Amino acid sequence: MTPDDIITRWRRRRDEWCRVHASVDGAALCDEVIRDIESLASADADAELTLAEAARLSGYSREHLGRLVAEGTILNVGRPGAPRIRRGDLPRKPLPKSSHPIHISGTRKGRIVRSVVEEGVPR
């Protein structure tokens, strides 16, 4: 099931229910929508990616992912010489932690605090 399938399905239901002025059990409706989203997420996790696609999504290089597949750390769902990685098996590269505190040039902490207290937080 694709996102478009889910959208079409729920639009049809909405139109039908609107036409007959139907009342529904909100909890049962939510459960059904959740099941549809879970099936979509499950299908997405099973999608087979090339090393180039996997590299773009994971943040790791194609070569590094190829090494992980070759050593068996990541399961090859493709064939020898044309490896593929399940989207759900992709490692995620952690975001780098900044060793430098945020600094706003020319502004003192006291001035920022005073501005927030006097004027409120900008929205």
N, C-alpha and C. Protein backbone atom coordinates (compact mmCIF):
# COMPACT_ATOMS: atom_id res chain seq x y z
N MET A 1 0.86 -1.18 0.00
CA MET A 1 0.00 0.00 0.00
C MET A 1 0.90 1.24 0.00
N THR A 2 0.58 2.18 -0.86
CA THR A 2 1.36 3.40 -0.99
C THR A 2 0.66 4.54 -0.24
N PRO A 3 1.37 5.64 0.01
CA PRO A 3 0.71 6.78 0.64
C PRO A 3 -0.51 7.25 -0.16
N ASP A 4 -0.39 7.24 -1.49
CA ASP A 4 -1.53 7.65 -2.32
C ASP A 4 -2.72 6.72 -2.14
N ASP A 5 -2.46 5.41 -2.00
CA ASP A 5 -3.54 4.45 -1.77
C ASP A 5 -4.28 4.77 -0.47
N ILE A 6 -3.51 5.06 0.56
CA ILE A 6 -4.12 5.37 1.87
C ILE A 6 -4.95 6.65 1.78
N ILE A 7 -4.39 7.66 1.15
CA ILE A 7 -5.12 8.93 1.02
C ILE A 7 -6.41 8.74 0.24
N THR A 8 -6.34 8.02 -0.87
CA THR A 8 -7.53 7.77 -1.69
C THR A 8 -8.58 6.99 -0.89
N ARG A 9 -8.13 5.98 -0.18
CA ARG A 9 -9.05 5.16 0.63
C ARG A 9 -9.79 6.00 1.66
N TRP A 10 -9.05 6.84 2.38
CA TRP A 10 -9.68 7.62 3.44
C TRP A 10 -10.52 8.77 2.89
N ARG A 11 -10.17 9.30 1.75
CA ARG A 11 -11.02 10.33 1.13
C ARG A 11 -12.34 9.73 0.68
N ARG A 12 -12.30 8.53 0.11
CA ARG A 12 -13.54 7.86 -0.29
C ARG A 12 -14.44 7.60 0.91
N ARG A 13 -13.83 7.10 1.97
CA ARG A 13 -14.62 6.85 3.19
C ARG A 13 -15.23 8.13 3.72
N ARG A 14 -14.41 9.18 3.77
CA ARG A 14 -14.91 10.47 4.26
C ARG A 14 -16.09 10.94 3.42
N ASP A 15 -15.97 10.87 2.10
CA ASP A 15 -17.04 11.31 1.22
C ASP A 15 -18.30 10.48 1.42
N GLU A 16 -18.12 9.17 1.56
CA GLU A 16 -19.28 8.30 1.78
C GLU A 16 -19.95 8.61 3.12
N TRP A 17 -19.16 8.76 4.16
CA TRP A 17 -19.73 9.04 5.48
C TRP A 17 -20.41 10.41 5.50
N CYS A 18 -19.84 11.37 4.79
CA CYS A 18 -20.43 12.70 4.71
C CYS A 18 -21.79 12.63 4.00
N ARG A 19 -21.84 11.84 2.93
CA ARG A 19 -23.06 11.71 2.15
C ARG A 19 -24.21 11.12 2.97
N VAL A 20 -23.91 10.16 3.85
CA VAL A 20 -24.97 9.52 4.65
C VAL A 20 -25.04 10.06 6.08
N HIS A 21 -24.27 11.10 6.35
CA HIS A 21 -24.24 11.72 7.68
C HIS A 21 -23.93 10.69 8.77
N ALA A 22 -22.91 9.88 8.53
CA ALA A 22 -22.56 8.79 9.44
C ALA A 22 -21.85 9.32 10.68
N SER A 23 -22.12 8.65 11.79
CA SER A 23 -21.36 8.88 13.02
C SER A 23 -20.46 7.67 13.19
N VAL A 24 -19.25 7.89 13.64
CA VAL A 24 -18.31 6.79 13.78
C VAL A 24 -17.74 6.75 15.19
N ASP A 25 -17.23 5.59 15.55
CA ASP A 25 -16.52 5.41 16.82
C ASP A 25 -15.11 5.94 16.61
N GLY A 26 -14.80 7.05 17.27
CA GLY A 26 -13.50 7.70 17.07
C GLY A 26 -12.32 6.80 17.36
N ALA A 27 -12.39 5.99 18.42
CA ALA A 27 -11.28 5.11 18.77
C ALA A 27 -11.08 4.04 17.70
N ALA A 28 -12.18 3.47 17.21
CA ALA A 28 -12.07 2.44 16.16
C ALA A 28 -11.50 3.05 14.88
N LEU A 29 -11.93 4.26 14.57
CA LEU A 29 -11.42 4.95 13.38
C LEU A 29 -9.92 5.20 13.51
N CYS A 30 -9.50 5.68 14.68
CA CYS A 30 -8.06 5.92 14.91
C CYS A 30 -7.27 4.63 14.78
N ASP A 31 -7.80 3.53 15.32
CA ASP A 31 -7.10 2.24 15.23
C ASP A 31 -6.89 1.84 13.77
N GLU A 32 -7.91 2.06 12.95
CA GLU A 32 -7.79 1.68 11.54
C GLU A 32 -6.78 2.57 10.80
N VAL A 33 -6.79 3.85 11.09
CA VAL A 33 -5.82 4.75 10.48
C VAL A 33 -4.41 4.37 10.92
N ILE A 34 -4.24 4.08 12.19
CA ILE A 34 -2.92 3.67 12.72
C ILE A 34 -2.45 2.40 12.02
N ARG A 35 -3.33 1.42 11.83
CA ARG A 35 -2.95 0.18 11.13
C ARG A 35 -2.47 0.49 9.71
N ASP A 36 -3.17 1.39 9.02
CA ASP A 36 -2.74 1.76 7.67
C ASP A 36 -1.36 2.40 7.68
N ILE A 37 -1.12 3.29 8.62
CA ILE A 37 0.19 3.96 8.70
C ILE A 37 1.28 2.96 9.07
N GLU A 38 0.97 2.03 9.98
CA GLU A 38 1.96 1.01 10.35
C GLU A 38 2.29 0.11 9.17
N SER A 39 1.30 -0.24 8.35
CA SER A 39 1.59 -1.08 7.19
C SER A 39 2.46 -0.32 6.19
N LEU A 40 2.22 0.97 6.08
CA LEU A 40 3.04 1.80 5.20
C LEU A 40 4.48 1.86 5.71
N ALA A 41 4.64 2.06 7.02
CA ALA A 41 5.98 2.13 7.62
C ALA A 41 6.71 0.80 7.47
N SER A 42 5.98 -0.30 7.63
CA SER A 42 6.58 -1.63 7.50
C SER A 42 7.05 -1.86 6.06
N ALA A 43 6.22 -1.49 5.10
CA ALA A 43 6.61 -1.64 3.69
C ALA A 43 7.82 -0.76 3.38
N ASP A 44 7.86 0.44 3.97
CA ASP A 44 8.98 1.34 3.75
C ASP A 44 10.27 0.74 4.31
N ALA A 45 10.18 0.11 5.48
CA ALA A 45 11.37 -0.49 6.10
C ALA A 45 11.89 -1.65 5.27
N ASP A 46 11.01 -2.32 4.52
CA ASP A 46 11.42 -3.46 3.70
C ASP A 46 11.95 -3.06 2.33
N ALA A 47 11.88 -1.78 2.00
CA ALA A 47 12.36 -1.33 0.69
C ALA A 47 13.84 -1.64 0.55
N GLU A 48 14.21 -2.18 -0.62
CA GLU A 48 15.60 -2.54 -0.88
C GLU A 48 16.29 -1.39 -1.60
N LEU A 49 17.42 -0.96 -1.04
CA LEU A 49 18.14 0.21 -1.56
C LEU A 49 19.48 -0.20 -2.13
N THR A 50 19.90 0.48 -3.18
CA THR A 50 21.26 0.30 -3.68
C THR A 50 22.21 0.95 -2.67
N LEU A 51 23.49 0.68 -2.82
CA LEU A 51 24.46 1.30 -1.91
C LEU A 51 24.45 2.82 -2.05
N ALA A 52 24.26 3.32 -3.26
CA ALA A 52 24.22 4.77 -3.47
C ALA A 52 23.01 5.37 -2.75
N GLU A 53 21.84 4.74 -2.88
CA GLU A 53 20.64 5.23 -2.19
C GLU A 53 20.82 5.16 -0.68
N ALA A 54 21.37 4.04 -0.21
CA ALA A 54 21.59 3.85 1.22
C ALA A 54 22.57 4.89 1.77
N ALA A 55 23.60 5.20 0.99
CA ALA A 55 24.58 6.20 1.41
C ALA A 55 23.92 7.57 1.55
N ARG A 56 23.09 7.92 0.58
CA ARG A 56 22.41 9.22 0.62
C ARG A 56 21.50 9.33 1.85
N LEU A 57 20.82 8.25 2.20
CA LEU A 57 19.88 8.30 3.33
C LEU A 57 20.56 8.17 4.69
N SER A 58 21.67 7.43 4.75
CA SER A 58 22.29 7.15 6.05
C SER A 58 23.35 8.15 6.47
N GLY A 59 23.99 8.80 5.49
CA GLY A 59 25.09 9.69 5.81
C GLY A 59 26.44 9.00 5.76
N TYR A 60 26.44 7.68 5.60
CA TYR A 60 27.70 6.94 5.46
C TYR A 60 28.05 6.84 3.97
N SER A 61 29.31 6.65 3.68
CA SER A 61 29.73 6.55 2.28
C SER A 61 29.30 5.20 1.70
N ARG A 62 29.22 5.17 0.39
CA ARG A 62 28.88 3.95 -0.33
C ARG A 62 29.91 2.86 -0.02
N GLU A 63 31.17 3.27 0.04
CA GLU A 63 32.26 2.32 0.31
C GLU A 63 32.14 1.73 1.72
N HIS A 64 31.84 2.57 2.70
CA HIS A 64 31.72 2.09 4.08
C HIS A 64 30.55 1.10 4.19
N LEU A 65 29.42 1.45 3.57
CA LEU A 65 28.28 0.54 3.61
C LEU A 65 28.61 -0.77 2.90
N GLY A 66 29.36 -0.69 1.80
CA GLY A 66 29.80 -1.90 1.09
C GLY A 66 30.65 -2.79 1.98
N ARG A 67 31.53 -2.17 2.76
CA ARG A 67 32.36 -2.95 3.71
C ARG A 67 31.49 -3.63 4.76
N LEU A 68 30.50 -2.89 5.29
CA LEU A 68 29.60 -3.46 6.31
C LEU A 68 28.83 -4.65 5.74
N VAL A 69 28.42 -4.56 4.49
CA VAL A 69 27.72 -5.67 3.85
C VAL A 69 28.69 -6.84 3.66
N ALA A 70 29.90 -6.56 3.17
CA ALA A 70 30.90 -7.60 2.91
C ALA A 70 31.28 -8.36 4.17
N GLU A 71 31.36 -7.63 5.30
CA GLU A 71 31.73 -8.31 6.55
C GLU A 71 30.53 -8.92 7.27
N GLY A 72 29.33 -8.73 6.72
CA GLY A 72 28.13 -9.35 7.30
C GLY A 72 27.48 -8.55 8.41
N THR A 73 27.95 -7.34 8.68
CA THR A 73 27.35 -6.49 9.70
C THR A 73 25.94 -6.06 9.27
N ILE A 74 25.79 -5.82 7.97
CA ILE A 74 24.49 -5.51 7.38
C ILE A 74 24.17 -6.62 6.39
N LEU A 75 22.95 -7.14 6.45
CA LEU A 75 22.52 -8.20 5.56
C LEU A 75 22.41 -7.70 4.12
N ASN A 76 22.96 -8.46 3.19
CA ASN A 76 22.83 -8.16 1.77
C ASN A 76 21.54 -8.81 1.27
N VAL A 77 20.56 -7.99 0.92
CA VAL A 77 19.31 -8.53 0.39
C VAL A 77 19.32 -8.52 -1.14
N GLY A 78 20.44 -8.14 -1.71
CA GLY A 78 20.61 -8.17 -3.16
C GLY A 78 21.33 -9.44 -3.57
N ARG A 79 22.21 -9.32 -4.51
CA ARG A 79 22.99 -10.48 -4.96
C ARG A 79 24.47 -10.11 -4.93
N PRO A 80 25.35 -11.10 -4.98
CA PRO A 80 26.78 -10.80 -4.99
C PRO A 80 27.13 -9.90 -6.18
N GLY A 81 27.90 -8.88 -5.91
CA GLY A 81 28.27 -7.94 -6.96
C GLY A 81 27.27 -6.81 -7.16
N ALA A 82 26.07 -6.98 -6.61
CA ALA A 82 25.03 -5.93 -6.69
C ALA A 82 24.27 -5.91 -5.37
N PRO A 83 24.99 -5.56 -4.28
CA PRO A 83 24.35 -5.61 -2.97
C PRO A 83 23.22 -4.60 -2.82
N ARG A 84 22.27 -4.94 -1.99
CA ARG A 84 21.18 -4.05 -1.62
C ARG A 84 20.99 -4.15 -0.11
N ILE A 85 20.54 -3.05 0.46
CA ILE A 85 20.33 -2.97 1.91
C ILE A 85 18.87 -2.61 2.17
N ARG A 86 18.24 -3.33 3.10
CA ARG A 86 16.88 -2.97 3.51
C ARG A 86 16.92 -1.62 4.21
N ARG A 87 15.97 -0.75 3.88
CA ARG A 87 15.91 0.57 4.50
C ARG A 87 15.88 0.44 6.04
N GLY A 88 15.17 -0.53 6.55
CA GLY A 88 15.08 -0.73 7.99
C GLY A 88 16.39 -1.16 8.64
N ASP A 89 17.35 -1.64 7.84
CA ASP A 89 18.65 -2.07 8.37
C ASP A 89 19.72 -0.99 8.28
N LEU A 90 19.37 0.16 7.74
CA LEU A 90 20.36 1.23 7.56
C LEU A 90 20.90 1.74 8.89
N PRO A 91 22.23 1.85 8.99
CA PRO A 91 22.77 2.53 10.17
C PRO A 91 22.54 4.03 10.00
N ARG A 92 22.39 4.72 11.07
CA ARG A 92 22.21 6.18 11.02
C ARG A 92 23.43 6.84 11.61
N LYS A 93 24.01 7.71 10.85
CA LYS A 93 25.20 8.43 11.30
C LYS A 93 24.76 9.46 12.34
N PRO A 94 25.39 9.43 13.53
CA PRO A 94 25.02 10.41 14.55
C PRO A 94 25.41 11.82 14.12
N LEU A 95 24.61 12.78 14.53
CA LEU A 95 24.93 14.17 14.23
C LEU A 95 26.13 14.57 15.07
N PRO A 96 27.05 15.33 14.51
CA PRO A 96 28.24 15.75 15.28
C PRO A 96 27.84 16.68 16.42
N LYS A 97 28.48 16.47 17.57
CA LYS A 97 28.25 17.36 18.71
C LYS A 97 29.22 18.53 18.59
N SER A 98 28.70 19.69 18.79
CA SER A 98 29.53 20.87 18.70
C SER A 98 30.34 21.03 19.98
N SER A 99 31.64 21.24 19.83
CA SER A 99 32.48 21.46 21.01
C SER A 99 32.56 22.94 21.35
N HIS A 100 31.93 23.76 20.53
CA HIS A 100 31.96 25.20 20.75
C HIS A 100 30.57 25.69 21.13
N PRO A 101 30.47 26.47 22.19
CA PRO A 101 29.16 27.01 22.54
C PRO A 101 28.69 28.00 21.48
N ILE A 102 27.38 28.14 21.40
CA ILE A 102 26.82 29.11 20.46
C ILE A 102 27.21 30.51 20.92
N HIS A 103 27.66 31.33 19.98
CA HIS A 103 28.06 32.68 20.31
C HIS A 103 27.41 33.64 19.32
N ILE A 104 26.69 34.60 19.86
CA ILE A 104 26.10 35.62 19.01
C ILE A 104 27.02 36.83 19.08
N SER A 105 27.64 37.12 17.96
CA SER A 105 28.65 38.16 17.90
C SER A 105 28.10 39.52 18.37
N GLY A 106 28.83 40.16 19.26
CA GLY A 106 28.49 41.50 19.71
C GLY A 106 27.34 41.58 20.70
N THR A 107 26.89 40.46 21.20
CA THR A 107 25.76 40.47 22.13
C THR A 107 26.18 39.81 23.44
N ARG A 108 25.86 40.47 24.54
CA ARG A 108 26.17 39.91 25.85
C ARG A 108 24.97 39.14 26.37
N LYS A 109 25.23 38.13 27.22
CA LYS A 109 24.15 37.31 27.77
C LYS A 109 23.14 38.16 28.52
N GLY A 110 23.61 39.09 29.31
CA GLY A 110 22.72 39.94 30.09
C GLY A 110 21.76 40.73 29.21
N ARG A 111 22.27 41.17 28.08
CA ARG A 111 21.43 41.94 27.15
C ARG A 111 20.33 41.07 26.54
N ILE A 112 20.67 39.83 26.21
CA ILE A 112 19.68 38.90 25.65
C ILE A 112 18.60 38.62 26.69
N VAL A 113 19.00 38.32 27.93
CA VAL A 113 18.04 38.04 29.00
C VAL A 113 17.15 39.24 29.24
N ARG A 114 17.73 40.42 29.33
CA ARG A 114 16.95 41.64 29.57
C ARG A 114 15.94 41.86 28.45
N SER A 115 16.36 41.62 27.21
CA SER A 115 15.48 41.80 26.07
C SER A 115 14.29 40.84 26.13
N VAL A 116 14.54 39.59 26.52
CA VAL A 116 13.46 38.60 26.60
C VAL A 116 12.52 38.97 27.74
N VAL A 117 13.06 39.37 28.87
CA VAL A 117 12.22 39.72 30.02
C VAL A 117 11.37 40.96 29.71
N GLU A 118 11.98 41.96 29.10
CA GLU A 118 11.25 43.20 28.84
C GLU A 118 10.29 43.09 27.66
N GLU A 119 10.67 42.37 26.60
CA GLU A 119 9.86 42.35 25.38
C GLU A 119 9.20 41.01 25.12
N GLY A 120 9.56 39.98 25.82
CA GLY A 120 9.01 38.66 25.56
C GLY A 120 9.77 37.95 24.45
N VAL A 121 9.50 36.69 24.31
CA VAL A 121 10.17 35.90 23.29
C VAL A 121 9.53 36.20 21.94
N PRO A 122 10.33 36.48 20.91
CA PRO A 122 9.74 36.76 19.58
C PRO A 122 9.00 35.53 19.07
N ARG A 123 7.90 35.76 18.39
CA ARG A 123 7.09 34.65 17.85
C ARG A 123 7.01 34.73 16.37
